Amino acid sequence: MTFPRYNFVIDCTDAALAEYLRLDTETAVKIYTRGDLNWCLQTYHILSKHSSLAVQCSNKMLPGFINIIHSDQLLQQKGQASKFIVCVRADYPGRRWAHYHLVQNKNQLGPNTSFIPHWVQPGLIKRDANRTAVSRVAYAGEAFNGNLAGTVDTWKQLLAPHNIQFVTLSGGSWHDLSSIDILLGIRSFDEQPHNTKPPTKLFGAWHANIPFIGGHDSAFKQVGVPGEDYLLVTTPDEAIAAILKLRDDQALYNKLVQNGRRKATLYTEETIAQAWVDVLTGPVLQRYRAWLAKPFLEQARFNTLLSMGNLEHQVKQLIKKVVGKKMKSAI
């Protein structure tokens, strides 16, 4: 049987691709803020280093390869029946015509789907060991896109009376947690599970030796234990109480850090790389061989599901447009 080859697909020009393939660590920290670069380019670089798989990275899907492509790029490129496609779903819809899906939350699992943890933030700088007080609470991510419950100004106002600063770390600086004492990852003040979201922020806190306060994300509960390696809150009052508890209770602070440090050993570049290898050489390869064995049936399947997927996307976009117009007219 032919040895499988894996092609990680990113969205870029040929000139940009050449630069991406020459990435150094410092540059990588700055660019891994886009889905396809996070999931496909980064994975290509790491598997090149940590595995014996025949991997390459390109800007298009190729016949004769197992093509791994982000959901957003797959929507643009579509693909052809002659190409085997693994869709990295991330925080996007699955694509019906893909032959296999990779997801970042176990609640996204289904037929021909595997869970792989997202990579830990590259170039991560841990909390400065000389820090002893709790004076800076941070959210590492974009705060404008609905991933942070409340507004930045509200958080600042809530913490100001306690002489605690609230800061946001934007893209390109998410990795530097040296001056942060507590990390927040609260998407909403309710019990929504946010089943498409990853536990990445919790991984970052564990690796940076920083206590983490999160909401009811299913991803956090899948890998962590509330009260043991992170704190779970539902309301703003609970969040502030948790922050003050960590400030005033050194034993609790140390407990979360120590337990998080142990958990961090389960989610490293090496262990996640092995998860990729296990999935790519296990269920993905099995699905690829089944695809090779029934070319006519698979071609019909692909063409039918591509048409259905395109129609589904068009309907969703139309609904968004109609809803958007109604909301504007109501203002």
C-alpha atoms as a PDB file:
ATOM      1  CA  MET A   1       0.000   0.000   0.000  1.00  0.00           C
ATOM      2  CA  THR A   2       1.240   3.502  -0.881  1.00  0.00           C
ATOM      3  CA  PHE A   3       2.590   5.411   2.109  1.00  0.00           C
ATOM      4  CA  PRO A   4       0.168   8.295   2.858  1.00  0.00           C
ATOM      5  CA  ARG A   5       1.232  11.888   2.323  1.00  0.00           C
ATOM      6  CA  TYR A   6      -0.315  14.777   4.234  1.00  0.00           C
ATOM      7  CA  ASN A   7      -0.815  18.248   2.754  1.00  0.00           C
ATOM      8  CA  PHE A   8      -1.642  21.099   5.144  1.00  0.00           C
ATOM      9  CA  VAL A   9      -3.409  23.862   3.219  1.00  0.00           C
ATOM     10  CA  ILE A  10      -3.241  27.576   4.076  1.00  0.00           C
ATOM     11  CA  ASP A  11      -4.626  30.674   2.402  1.00  0.00           C
ATOM     12  CA  CYS A  12      -1.768  32.700   0.935  1.00  0.00           C
ATOM     13  CA  THR A  13       0.147  33.587  -2.212  1.00  0.00           C
ATOM     14  CA  ASP A  14       3.083  31.527  -3.420  1.00  0.00           C
ATOM     15  CA  ALA A  15       5.467  34.241  -2.207  1.00  0.00           C
ATOM     16  CA  ALA A  16       3.864  34.336   1.244  1.00  0.00           C
ATOM     17  CA  LEU A  17       3.963  30.548   1.427  1.00  0.00           C
ATOM     18  CA  ALA A  18       7.724  30.564   0.934  1.00  0.00           C
ATOM     19  CA  GLU A  19       8.041  32.990   3.859  1.00  0.00           C
ATOM     20  CA  TYR A  20       5.692  30.983   6.074  1.00  0.00           C
ATOM     21  CA  LEU A  21       7.737  27.853   5.510  1.00  0.00           C
ATOM     22  CA  ARG A  22      10.831  29.675   6.805  1.00  0.00           C
ATOM     23  CA  LEU A  23       9.198  30.849  10.029  1.00  0.00           C
ATOM     24  CA  ASP A  24      11.243  31.264  13.177  1.00  0.00           C
ATOM     25  CA  THR A  25       9.788  31.133  16.686  1.00  0.00           C
ATOM     26  CA  GLU A  26       9.559  34.901  17.181  1.00  0.00           C
ATOM     27  CA  THR A  27       7.728  35.416  13.896  1.00  0.00           C
ATOM     28  CA  ALA A  28       5.433  32.491  14.586  1.00  0.00           C
ATOM     29  CA  VAL A  29       4.231  34.067  17.824  1.00  0.00           C
ATOM     30  CA  LYS A  30       3.036  37.100  15.886  1.00  0.00           C
ATOM     31  CA  ILE A  31       1.256  35.318  13.037  1.00  0.00           C
ATOM     32  CA  TYR A  32      -0.493  32.449  14.810  1.00  0.00           C
ATOM     33  CA  THR A  33      -3.626  34.518  15.351  1.00  0.00           C
ATOM     34  CA  ARG A  34      -5.470  33.314  12.221  1.00  0.00           C
ATOM     35  CA  GLY A  35      -7.329  30.027  12.017  1.00  0.00           C
ATOM     36  CA  ASP A  36      -5.600  28.349   9.089  1.00  0.00           C
ATOM     37  CA  LEU A  37      -2.150  29.450  10.275  1.00  0.00           C
ATOM     38  CA  ASN A  38      -2.870  28.214  13.796  1.00  0.00           C
ATOM     39  CA  TRP A  39      -4.255  24.868  12.750  1.00  0.00           C
ATOM     40  CA  CYS A  40      -2.504  24.024   9.495  1.00  0.00           C
ATOM     41  CA  LEU A  41       0.757  25.942   9.212  1.00  0.00           C
ATOM     42  CA  GLN A  42       1.642  25.485  12.881  1.00  0.00           C
ATOM     43  CA  THR A  43       0.761  21.795  12.763  1.00  0.00           C
ATOM     44  CA  TYR A  44       2.882  21.311   9.665  1.00  0.00           C
ATOM     45  CA  HIS A  45       5.915  22.886  11.369  1.00  0.00           C
ATOM     46  CA  ILE A  46       5.482  20.875  14.560  1.00  0.00           C
ATOM     47  CA  LEU A  47       4.834  17.528  12.863  1.00  0.00           C
ATOM     48  CA  SER A  48       7.862  18.117  10.664  1.00  0.00           C
ATOM     49  CA  LYS A  49       9.858  18.245  13.875  1.00  0.00           C
ATOM     50  CA  HIS A  50       8.093  15.677  16.047  1.00  0.00           C
ATOM     51  CA  SER A  51       6.972  12.953  13.640  1.00  0.00           C
ATOM     52  CA  SER A  52       8.087  10.830  10.728  1.00  0.00           C
ATOM     53  CA  LEU A  53       4.939  11.538   8.725  1.00  0.00           C
ATOM     54  CA  ALA A  54       5.337  12.674   5.133  1.00  0.00           C
ATOM     55  CA  VAL A  55       3.973  16.198   5.606  1.00  0.00           C
ATOM     56  CA  GLN A  56       4.046  19.300   3.484  1.00  0.00           C
ATOM     57  CA  CYS A  57       2.316  22.682   3.477  1.00  0.00           C
ATOM     58  CA  SER A  58       0.856  24.377   0.420  1.00  0.00           C
ATOM     59  CA  ASN A  59      -1.800  26.883  -0.618  1.00  0.00           C
ATOM     60  CA  LYS A  60      -4.008  24.422  -2.506  1.00  0.00           C
ATOM     61  CA  MET A  61      -5.463  20.959  -2.166  1.00  0.00           C
ATOM     62  CA  LEU A  62      -3.685  18.256  -4.141  1.00  0.00           C
ATOM     63  CA  PRO A  63      -4.654  14.848  -5.552  1.00  0.00           C
ATOM     64  CA  GLY A  64      -2.805  11.900  -4.065  1.00  0.00           C
ATOM     65  CA  PHE A  65      -2.591  13.560  -0.634  1.00  0.00           C
ATOM     66  CA  ILE A  66      -4.640  13.629   2.530  1.00  0.00           C
ATOM     67  CA  ASN A  67      -5.467  17.349   2.475  1.00  0.00           C
ATOM     68  CA  ILE A  68      -5.964  19.036   5.860  1.00  0.00           C
ATOM     69  CA  ILE A  69      -7.697  22.412   5.489  1.00  0.00           C
ATOM     70  CA  HIS A  70      -9.454  24.882   7.800  1.00  0.00           C
ATOM     71  CA  SER A  71     -13.246  25.099   7.447  1.00  0.00           C
ATOM     72  CA  ASP A  72     -13.151  28.728   6.295  1.00  0.00           C
ATOM     73  CA  GLN A  73     -10.632  28.002   3.529  1.00  0.00           C
ATOM     74  CA  LEU A  74     -12.537  24.868   2.498  1.00  0.00           C
ATOM     75  CA  LEU A  75     -15.652  26.986   2.014  1.00  0.00           C
ATOM     76  CA  GLN A  76     -13.650  29.152  -0.389  1.00  0.00           C
ATOM     77  CA  GLN A  77     -11.749  26.424  -2.249  1.00  0.00           C
ATOM     78  CA  LYS A  78     -14.582  23.850  -2.298  1.00  0.00           C
ATOM     79  CA  GLY A  79     -12.332  21.066  -3.564  1.00  0.00           C
ATOM     80  CA  GLN A  80     -12.953  18.337  -6.120  1.00  0.00           C
ATOM     81  CA  ALA A  81     -14.075  14.734  -5.939  1.00  0.00           C
ATOM     82  CA  SER A  82     -10.540  13.642  -6.826  1.00  0.00           C
ATOM     83  CA  LYS A  83      -9.103  15.065  -3.594  1.00  0.00           C
ATOM     84  CA  PHE A  84      -9.425  13.618  -0.107  1.00  0.00           C
ATOM     85  CA  ILE A  85     -10.334  16.362   2.363  1.00  0.00           C
ATOM     86  CA  VAL A  86      -9.967  16.582   6.139  1.00  0.00           C
ATOM     87  CA  CYS A  87     -11.761  19.676   7.438  1.00  0.00           C
ATOM     88  CA  VAL A  88     -10.405  21.376  10.555  1.00  0.00           C
ATOM     89  CA  ARG A  89     -13.680  22.671  11.903  1.00  0.00           C
ATOM     90  CA  ALA A  90     -12.333  24.870  14.735  1.00  0.00           C
ATOM     91  CA  ASP A  91     -15.044  27.441  15.591  1.00  0.00           C
ATOM     92  CA  TYR A  92     -16.700  27.204  12.178  1.00  0.00           C
ATOM     93  CA  PRO A  93     -19.413  24.979  10.689  1.00  0.00           C
ATOM     94  CA  GLY A  94     -18.555  21.522   9.509  1.00  0.00           C
ATOM     95  CA  ARG A  95     -18.470  21.136   5.716  1.00  0.00           C
ATOM     96  CA  ARG A  96     -20.729  18.325   4.488  1.00  0.00           C
ATOM     97  CA  TRP A  97     -18.516  17.368   1.572  1.00  0.00           C
ATOM     98  CA  ALA A  98     -15.346  16.867   3.632  1.00  0.00           C
ATOM     99  CA  HIS A  99     -14.435  13.227   4.109  1.00  0.00           C
ATOM    100  CA  TYR A 100     -13.334  13.693   7.707  1.00  0.00           C
ATOM    101  CA  HIS A 101     -13.500  16.409  10.389  1.00  0.00           C
ATOM    102  CA  LEU A 102     -11.142  17.435  13.200  1.00  0.00           C
ATOM    103  CA  VAL A 103     -12.698  19.322  16.118  1.00  0.00           C
ATOM    104  CA  GLN A 104     -11.466  21.247  19.148  1.00  0.00           C
ATOM    105  CA  ASN A 105     -14.320  20.391  21.529  1.00  0.00           C
ATOM    106  CA  LYS A 106     -15.440  16.854  22.347  1.00  0.00           C
ATOM    107  CA  ASN A 107     -19.096  17.891  22.104  1.00  0.00           C
ATOM    108  CA  GLN A 108     -18.512  18.387  18.356  1.00  0.00           C
ATOM    109  CA  LEU A 109     -17.763  14.698  17.872  1.00  0.00           C
ATOM    110  CA  GLY A 110     -19.782  12.648  15.397  1.00  0.00           C
ATOM    111  CA  PRO A 111     -19.261  10.174  12.539  1.00  0.00           C
ATOM    112  CA  ASN A 112     -15.892  10.486  10.800  1.00  0.00           C
ATOM    113  CA  THR A 113     -14.771  13.062  13.350  1.00  0.00           C
ATOM    114  CA  SER A 114     -11.908  13.171  15.857  1.00  0.00           C
ATOM    115  CA  PHE A 115     -11.033  15.542  18.687  1.00  0.00           C
ATOM    116  CA  ILE A 116      -7.536  17.014  18.805  1.00  0.00           C
ATOM    117  CA  PRO A 117      -6.596  19.666  21.400  1.00  0.00           C
ATOM    118  CA  HIS A 118      -5.532  23.015  20.032  1.00  0.00           C
ATOM    119  CA  TRP A 119      -1.833  23.845  20.405  1.00  0.00           C
ATOM    120  CA  VAL A 120      -0.645  25.710  23.479  1.00  0.00           C
ATOM    121  CA  GLN A 121       0.156  29.352  22.718  1.00  0.00           C
ATOM    122  CA  PRO A 122       3.569  29.394  20.971  1.00  0.00           C
ATOM    123  CA  GLY A 123       6.368  31.340  22.662  1.00  0.00           C
ATOM    124  CA  LEU A 124       4.472  31.406  25.957  1.00  0.00           C
ATOM    125  CA  ILE A 125       6.158  33.498  28.676  1.00  0.00           C
ATOM    126  CA  LYS A 126       5.221  32.352  32.169  1.00  0.00           C
ATOM    127  CA  ARG A 127       4.272  34.563  35.076  1.00  0.00           C
ATOM    128  CA  ASP A 128       7.301  36.194  36.632  1.00  0.00           C
ATOM    129  CA  ALA A 129       8.213  34.044  39.652  1.00  0.00           C
ATOM    130  CA  ASN A 130       9.086  37.216  41.581  1.00  0.00           C
ATOM    131  CA  ARG A 131       5.483  38.433  41.530  1.00  0.00           C
ATOM    132  CA  THR A 132       3.829  37.895  44.886  1.00  0.00           C
ATOM    133  CA  ALA A 133       0.755  40.145  44.886  1.00  0.00           C
ATOM    134  CA  VAL A 134      -2.425  39.789  42.844  1.00  0.00           C
ATOM    135  CA  SER A 135      -2.740  43.143  41.115  1.00  0.00           C
ATOM    136  CA  ARG A 136      -3.304  42.369  37.406  1.00  0.00           C
ATOM    137  CA  VAL A 137      -6.140  40.306  35.961  1.00  0.00           C
ATOM    138  CA  ALA A 138      -6.134  39.705  32.212  1.00  0.00           C
ATOM    139  CA  TYR A 139      -8.147  38.437  29.305  1.00  0.00           C
ATOM    140  CA  ALA A 140      -5.925  37.093  26.523  1.00  0.00           C
ATOM    141  CA  GLY A 141      -7.838  37.441  23.273  1.00  0.00           C
ATOM    142  CA  GLU A 142     -10.039  39.740  21.235  1.00  0.00           C
ATOM    143  CA  ALA A 143     -12.617  41.268  23.570  1.00  0.00           C
ATOM    144  CA  PHE A 144     -14.880  42.736  20.867  1.00  0.00           C
ATOM    145  CA  ASN A 145     -16.119  39.480  19.312  1.00  0.00           C
ATOM    146  CA  GLY A 146     -18.331  38.150  22.089  1.00  0.00           C
ATOM    147  CA  ASN A 147     -15.722  35.914  23.695  1.00  0.00           C
ATOM    148  CA  LEU A 148     -15.531  38.029  26.865  1.00  0.00           C
ATOM    149  CA  ALA A 149     -18.598  38.436  29.057  1.00  0.00           C
ATOM    150  CA  GLY A 150     -19.188  42.103  29.806  1.00  0.00           C
ATOM    151  CA  THR A 151     -17.125  44.985  28.496  1.00  0.00           C
ATOM    152  CA  VAL A 152     -13.529  45.865  29.211  1.00  0.00           C
ATOM    153  CA  ASP A 153     -14.667  49.114  30.859  1.00  0.00           C
ATOM    154  CA  THR A 154     -17.080  47.220  33.111  1.00  0.00           C
ATOM    155  CA  TRP A 155     -14.316  44.861  34.258  1.00  0.00           C
ATOM    156  CA  LYS A 156     -12.055  47.800  34.984  1.00  0.00           C
ATOM    157  CA  GLN A 157     -14.781  49.509  37.007  1.00  0.00           C
ATOM    158  CA  LEU A 158     -15.561  46.360  38.992  1.00  0.00           C
ATOM    159  CA  LEU A 159     -11.921  45.779  39.943  1.00  0.00           C
ATOM    160  CA  ALA A 160     -10.765  49.373  40.442  1.00  0.00           C
ATOM    161  CA  PRO A 161     -12.172  49.672  44.022  1.00  0.00           C
ATOM    162  CA  HIS A 162      -9.996  46.696  44.968  1.00  0.00           C
ATOM    163  CA  ASN A 163      -6.840  48.224  43.472  1.00  0.00           C
ATOM    164  CA  ILE A 164      -6.707  45.480  40.856  1.00  0.00           C
ATOM    165  CA  GLN A 165      -5.983  46.330  37.240  1.00  0.00           C
ATOM    166  CA  PHE A 166      -7.847  44.639  34.393  1.00  0.00           C
ATOM    167  CA  VAL A 167      -6.007  44.365  31.082  1.00  0.00           C
ATOM    168  CA  THR A 168      -6.611  42.752  27.705  1.00  0.00           C
ATOM    169  CA  LEU A 169      -3.833  41.130  25.720  1.00  0.00           C
ATOM    170  CA  SER A 170      -4.414  41.510  21.993  1.00  0.00           C
ATOM    171  CA  GLY A 171      -3.120  39.416  19.086  1.00  0.00           C
ATOM    172  CA  GLY A 172       0.656  39.323  18.983  1.00  0.00           C
ATOM    173  CA  SER A 173       0.964  39.706  22.771  1.00  0.00           C
ATOM    174  CA  TRP A 174      -1.194  36.823  23.984  1.00  0.00           C
ATOM    175  CA  HIS A 175       1.933  34.829  24.728  1.00  0.00           C
ATOM    176  CA  ASP A 176       3.435  37.249  27.265  1.00  0.00           C
ATOM    177  CA  LEU A 177       1.860  36.449  30.632  1.00  0.00           C
ATOM    178  CA  SER A 178       4.864  37.498  32.694  1.00  0.00           C
ATOM    179  CA  SER A 179       3.044  40.337  34.466  1.00  0.00           C
ATOM    180  CA  ILE A 180      -0.351  38.644  34.839  1.00  0.00           C
ATOM    181  CA  ASP A 181      -1.624  37.251  38.143  1.00  0.00           C
ATOM    182  CA  ILE A 182      -5.011  35.787  37.123  1.00  0.00           C
ATOM    183  CA  LEU A 183      -6.402  34.854  33.706  1.00  0.00           C
ATOM    184  CA  LEU A 184     -10.099  35.131  32.840  1.00  0.00           C
ATOM    185  CA  GLY A 185     -11.949  33.043  30.270  1.00  0.00           C
ATOM    186  CA  ILE A 186     -15.616  33.882  30.838  1.00  0.00           C
ATOM    187  CA  ARG A 187     -17.614  34.000  27.608  1.00  0.00           C
ATOM    188  CA  SER A 188     -21.038  34.563  29.182  1.00  0.00           C
ATOM    189  CA  PHE A 189     -22.626  34.936  32.596  1.00  0.00           C
ATOM    190  CA  ASP A 190     -24.895  31.914  32.351  1.00  0.00           C
ATOM    191  CA  GLU A 191     -24.503  28.163  31.957  1.00  0.00           C
ATOM    192  CA  GLN A 192     -24.044  28.032  28.193  1.00  0.00           C
ATOM    193  CA  PRO A 193     -21.570  25.248  27.282  1.00  0.00           C
ATOM    194  CA  HIS A 194     -20.154  27.003  24.176  1.00  0.00           C
ATOM    195  CA  ASN A 195     -19.680  23.644  22.514  1.00  0.00           C
ATOM    196  CA  THR A 196     -17.587  24.893  19.587  1.00  0.00           C
ATOM    197  CA  LYS A 197     -14.931  26.552  21.746  1.00  0.00           C
ATOM    198  CA  PRO A 198     -11.566  25.020  22.769  1.00  0.00           C
ATOM    199  CA  PRO A 199      -9.906  24.857  26.211  1.00  0.00           C
ATOM    200  CA  THR A 200      -6.868  26.749  24.907  1.00  0.00           C
ATOM    201  CA  LYS A 201      -7.023  29.622  27.405  1.00  0.00           C
ATOM    202  CA  LEU A 202      -7.050  27.119  30.264  1.00  0.00           C
ATOM    203  CA  PHE A 203      -4.003  25.377  28.783  1.00  0.00           C
ATOM    204  CA  GLY A 204      -2.213  28.726  28.635  1.00  0.00           C
ATOM    205  CA  ALA A 205      -2.921  29.468  32.288  1.00  0.00           C
ATOM    206  CA  TRP A 206      -1.697  26.037  33.356  1.00  0.00           C
ATOM    207  CA  HIS A 207       1.534  26.403  31.416  1.00  0.00           C
ATOM    208  CA  ALA A 208       2.078  29.963  32.666  1.00  0.00           C
ATOM    209  CA  ASN A 209       1.579  29.047  36.362  1.00  0.00           C
ATOM    210  CA  ILE A 210      -1.440  31.346  36.647  1.00  0.00           C
ATOM    211  CA  PRO A 211      -4.851  30.584  38.205  1.00  0.00           C
ATOM    212  CA  PHE A 212      -7.708  30.565  35.698  1.00  0.00           C
ATOM    213  CA  ILE A 213     -11.302  31.686  36.206  1.00  0.00           C
ATOM    214  CA  GLY A 214     -13.712  30.441  33.558  1.00  0.00           C
ATOM    215  CA  GLY A 215     -17.376  30.124  32.729  1.00  0.00           C
ATOM    216  CA  HIS A 216     -19.389  26.992  32.011  1.00  0.00           C
ATOM    217  CA  ASP A 217     -17.554  26.134  28.772  1.00  0.00           C
ATOM    218  CA  SER A 218     -17.816  22.410  28.128  1.00  0.00           C
ATOM    219  CA  ALA A 219     -14.199  22.427  26.900  1.00  0.00           C
ATOM    220  CA  PHE A 220     -12.913  23.511  30.323  1.00  0.00           C
ATOM    221  CA  LYS A 221     -14.895  20.769  32.058  1.00  0.00           C
ATOM    222  CA  GLN A 222     -13.622  18.182  29.576  1.00  0.00           C
ATOM    223  CA  VAL A 223      -9.995  18.718  30.578  1.00  0.00           C
ATOM    224  CA  GLY A 224     -10.140  20.413  33.986  1.00  0.00           C
ATOM    225  CA  VAL A 225     -11.816  20.031  37.372  1.00  0.00           C
ATOM    226  CA  PRO A 226     -13.524  23.142  38.799  1.00  0.00           C
ATOM    227  CA  GLY A 227     -12.164  23.996  42.222  1.00  0.00           C
ATOM    228  CA  GLU A 228      -9.039  21.924  41.641  1.00  0.00           C
ATOM    229  CA  ASP A 229      -7.221  23.351  38.610  1.00  0.00           C
ATOM    230  CA  TYR A 230      -9.470  26.319  37.763  1.00  0.00           C
ATOM    231  CA  LEU A 231     -12.387  28.234  39.237  1.00  0.00           C
ATOM    232  CA  LEU A 232     -15.844  28.239  37.643  1.00  0.00           C
ATOM    233  CA  VAL A 233     -18.165  31.248  37.958  1.00  0.00           C
ATOM    234  CA  THR A 234     -21.607  32.140  36.641  1.00  0.00           C
ATOM    235  CA  THR A 235     -22.179  35.782  37.631  1.00  0.00           C
ATOM    236  CA  PRO A 236     -20.126  38.994  37.838  1.00  0.00           C
ATOM    237  CA  ASP A 237     -20.384  38.867  41.637  1.00  0.00           C
ATOM    238  CA  GLU A 238     -18.986  35.330  41.670  1.00  0.00           C
ATOM    239  CA  ALA A 239     -16.163  36.418  39.378  1.00  0.00           C
ATOM    240  CA  ILE A 240     -15.132  39.307  41.606  1.00  0.00           C
ATOM    241  CA  ALA A 241     -15.423  37.091  44.700  1.00  0.00           C
ATOM    242  CA  ALA A 242     -13.172  34.493  43.048  1.00  0.00           C
ATOM    243  CA  ILE A 243     -10.573  37.109  42.153  1.00  0.00           C
ATOM    244  CA  LEU A 244     -10.540  38.470  45.699  1.00  0.00           C
ATOM    245  CA  LYS A 245     -10.383  34.951  47.120  1.00  0.00           C
ATOM    246  CA  LEU A 246      -7.290  34.244  45.046  1.00  0.00           C
ATOM    247  CA  ARG A 247      -5.781  37.537  46.167  1.00  0.00           C
ATOM    248  CA  ASP A 248      -6.362  36.823  49.857  1.00  0.00           C
ATOM    249  CA  ASP A 249      -5.966  33.030  50.035  1.00  0.00           C
ATOM    250  CA  GLN A 250      -2.400  32.088  49.108  1.00  0.00           C
ATOM    251  CA  ALA A 251      -3.102  28.405  49.735  1.00  0.00           C
ATOM    252  CA  LEU A 252      -5.891  28.387  47.139  1.00  0.00           C
ATOM    253  CA  TYR A 253      -3.732  30.318  44.683  1.00  0.00           C
ATOM    254  CA  ASN A 254      -0.879  27.840  45.090  1.00  0.00           C
ATOM    255  CA  LYS A 255      -3.221  24.860  44.833  1.00  0.00           C
ATOM    256  CA  LEU A 256      -4.577  25.953  41.455  1.00  0.00           C
ATOM    257  CA  VAL A 257      -1.092  26.698  40.152  1.00  0.00           C
ATOM    258  CA  GLN A 258       0.350  23.369  41.304  1.00  0.00           C
ATOM    259  CA  ASN A 259      -2.549  21.315  39.989  1.00  0.00           C
ATOM    260  CA  GLY A 260      -2.455  23.268  36.750  1.00  0.00           C
ATOM    261  CA  ARG A 261       1.255  22.631  36.393  1.00  0.00           C
ATOM    262  CA  ARG A 262       0.601  18.881  36.635  1.00  0.00           C
ATOM    263  CA  LYS A 263      -2.216  19.083  34.091  1.00  0.00           C
ATOM    264  CA  ALA A 264       0.020  21.077  31.738  1.00  0.00           C
ATOM    265  CA  THR A 265       2.243  18.035  31.266  1.00  0.00           C
ATOM    266  CA  LEU A 266      -0.660  16.319  29.489  1.00  0.00           C
ATOM    267  CA  TYR A 267      -0.925  19.096  26.895  1.00  0.00           C
ATOM    268  CA  THR A 268       2.477  19.908  25.480  1.00  0.00           C
ATOM    269  CA  GLU A 269       3.808  20.296  21.969  1.00  0.00           C
ATOM    270  CA  GLU A 270       4.967  16.686  22.105  1.00  0.00           C
ATOM    271  CA  THR A 271       1.735  15.174  23.456  1.00  0.00           C
ATOM    272  CA  ILE A 272      -0.505  17.124  21.087  1.00  0.00           C
ATOM    273  CA  ALA A 273       1.775  16.213  18.180  1.00  0.00           C
ATOM    274  CA  GLN A 274       1.316  12.566  19.144  1.00  0.00           C
ATOM    275  CA  ALA A 275      -2.463  13.085  19.187  1.00  0.00           C
ATOM    276  CA  TRP A 276      -2.217  14.389  15.623  1.00  0.00           C
ATOM    277  CA  VAL A 277      -0.121  11.389  14.563  1.00  0.00           C
ATOM    278  CA  ASP A 278      -2.544   8.944  16.198  1.00  0.00           C
ATOM    279  CA  VAL A 279      -5.553  10.480  14.446  1.00  0.00           C
ATOM    280  CA  LEU A 280      -3.898  10.938  11.037  1.00  0.00           C
ATOM    281  CA  THR A 281      -2.482   7.402  10.965  1.00  0.00           C
ATOM    282  CA  GLY A 282      -5.569   5.884  12.590  1.00  0.00           C
ATOM    283  CA  PRO A 283      -9.153   6.891  11.743  1.00  0.00           C
ATOM    284  CA  VAL A 284      -8.224   9.427   9.049  1.00  0.00           C
ATOM    285  CA  LEU A 285      -6.067   6.897   7.205  1.00  0.00           C
ATOM    286  CA  GLN A 286      -8.796   4.279   7.583  1.00  0.00           C
ATOM    287  CA  ARG A 287     -11.335   6.684   6.033  1.00  0.00           C
ATOM    288  CA  TYR A 288      -8.849   7.523   3.242  1.00  0.00           C
ATOM    289  CA  ARG A 289      -8.412   3.864   2.353  1.00  0.00           C
ATOM    290  CA  ALA A 290     -12.191   3.381   2.291  1.00  0.00           C
ATOM    291  CA  TRP A 291     -12.399   6.409  -0.034  1.00  0.00           C
ATOM    292  CA  LEU A 292      -9.784   4.919  -2.354  1.00  0.00           C
ATOM    293  CA  ALA A 293     -11.641   1.608  -2.487  1.00  0.00           C
ATOM    294  CA  LYS A 294     -14.937   3.062  -3.783  1.00  0.00           C
ATOM    295  CA  PRO A 295     -14.102   5.882  -6.213  1.00  0.00           C
ATOM    296  CA  PHE A 296     -17.455   6.033  -8.049  1.00  0.00           C
ATOM    297  CA  LEU A 297     -19.550   5.964  -4.891  1.00  0.00           C
ATOM    298  CA  GLU A 298     -17.294   8.552  -3.229  1.00  0.00           C
ATOM    299  CA  GLN A 299     -17.470  10.833  -6.267  1.00  0.00           C
ATOM    300  CA  ALA A 300     -21.257  10.779  -6.201  1.00  0.00           C
ATOM    301  CA  ARG A 301     -21.237  11.395  -2.460  1.00  0.00           C
ATOM    302  CA  PHE A 302     -18.884  14.362  -2.796  1.00  0.00           C
ATOM    303  CA  ASN A 303     -20.803  16.069  -5.595  1.00  0.00           C
ATOM    304  CA  THR A 304     -24.140  15.666  -3.819  1.00  0.00           C
ATOM    305  CA  LEU A 305     -22.887  16.917  -0.459  1.00  0.00           C
ATOM    306  CA  LEU A 306     -20.989  19.817  -2.042  1.00  0.00           C
ATOM    307  CA  SER A 307     -24.208  21.017  -3.662  1.00  0.00           C
ATOM    308  CA  MET A 308     -26.078  20.630  -0.377  1.00  0.00           C
ATOM    309  CA  GLY A 309     -23.315  22.408   1.548  1.00  0.00           C
ATOM    310  CA  ASN A 310     -23.237  25.344  -0.852  1.00  0.00           C
ATOM    311  CA  LEU A 311     -27.024  25.702  -0.682  1.00  0.00           C
ATOM    312  CA  GLU A 312     -26.935  25.502   3.114  1.00  0.00           C
ATOM    313  CA  HIS A 313     -24.323  28.277   3.268  1.00  0.00           C
ATOM    314  CA  GLN A 314     -26.292  30.496   0.870  1.00  0.00           C
ATOM    315  CA  VAL A 315     -29.447  30.088   2.955  1.00  0.00           C
ATOM    316  CA  LYS A 316     -27.571  30.979   6.147  1.00  0.00           C
ATOM    317  CA  GLN A 317     -26.096  34.094   4.542  1.00  0.00           C
ATOM    318  CA  LEU A 318     -29.536  35.136   3.289  1.00  0.00           C
ATOM    319  CA  ILE A 319     -31.043  34.699   6.753  1.00  0.00           C
ATOM    320  CA  LYS A 320     -28.248  36.783   8.274  1.00  0.00           C
ATOM    321  CA  LYS A 321     -28.843  39.527   5.733  1.00  0.00           C
ATOM    322  CA  VAL A 322     -32.593  39.588   6.379  1.00  0.00           C
ATOM    323  CA  VAL A 323     -32.143  39.577  10.157  1.00  0.00           C
ATOM    324  CA  GLY A 324     -29.525  42.317   9.889  1.00  0.00           C
ATOM    325  CA  LYS A 325     -31.852  44.534   7.875  1.00  0.00           C
ATOM    326  CA  LYS A 326     -34.686  44.011  10.369  1.00  0.00           C
ATOM    327  CA  MET A 327     -32.425  44.925  13.284  1.00  0.00           C
ATOM    328  CA  LYS A 328     -31.263  48.097  11.522  1.00  0.00           C
ATOM    329  CA  SER A 329     -34.815  49.147  10.710  1.00  0.00           C
ATOM    330  CA  ALA A 330     -35.842  48.596  14.329  1.00  0.00           C
ATOM    331  CA  ILE A 331     -33.149  50.970  15.660  1.00  0.00           C
END
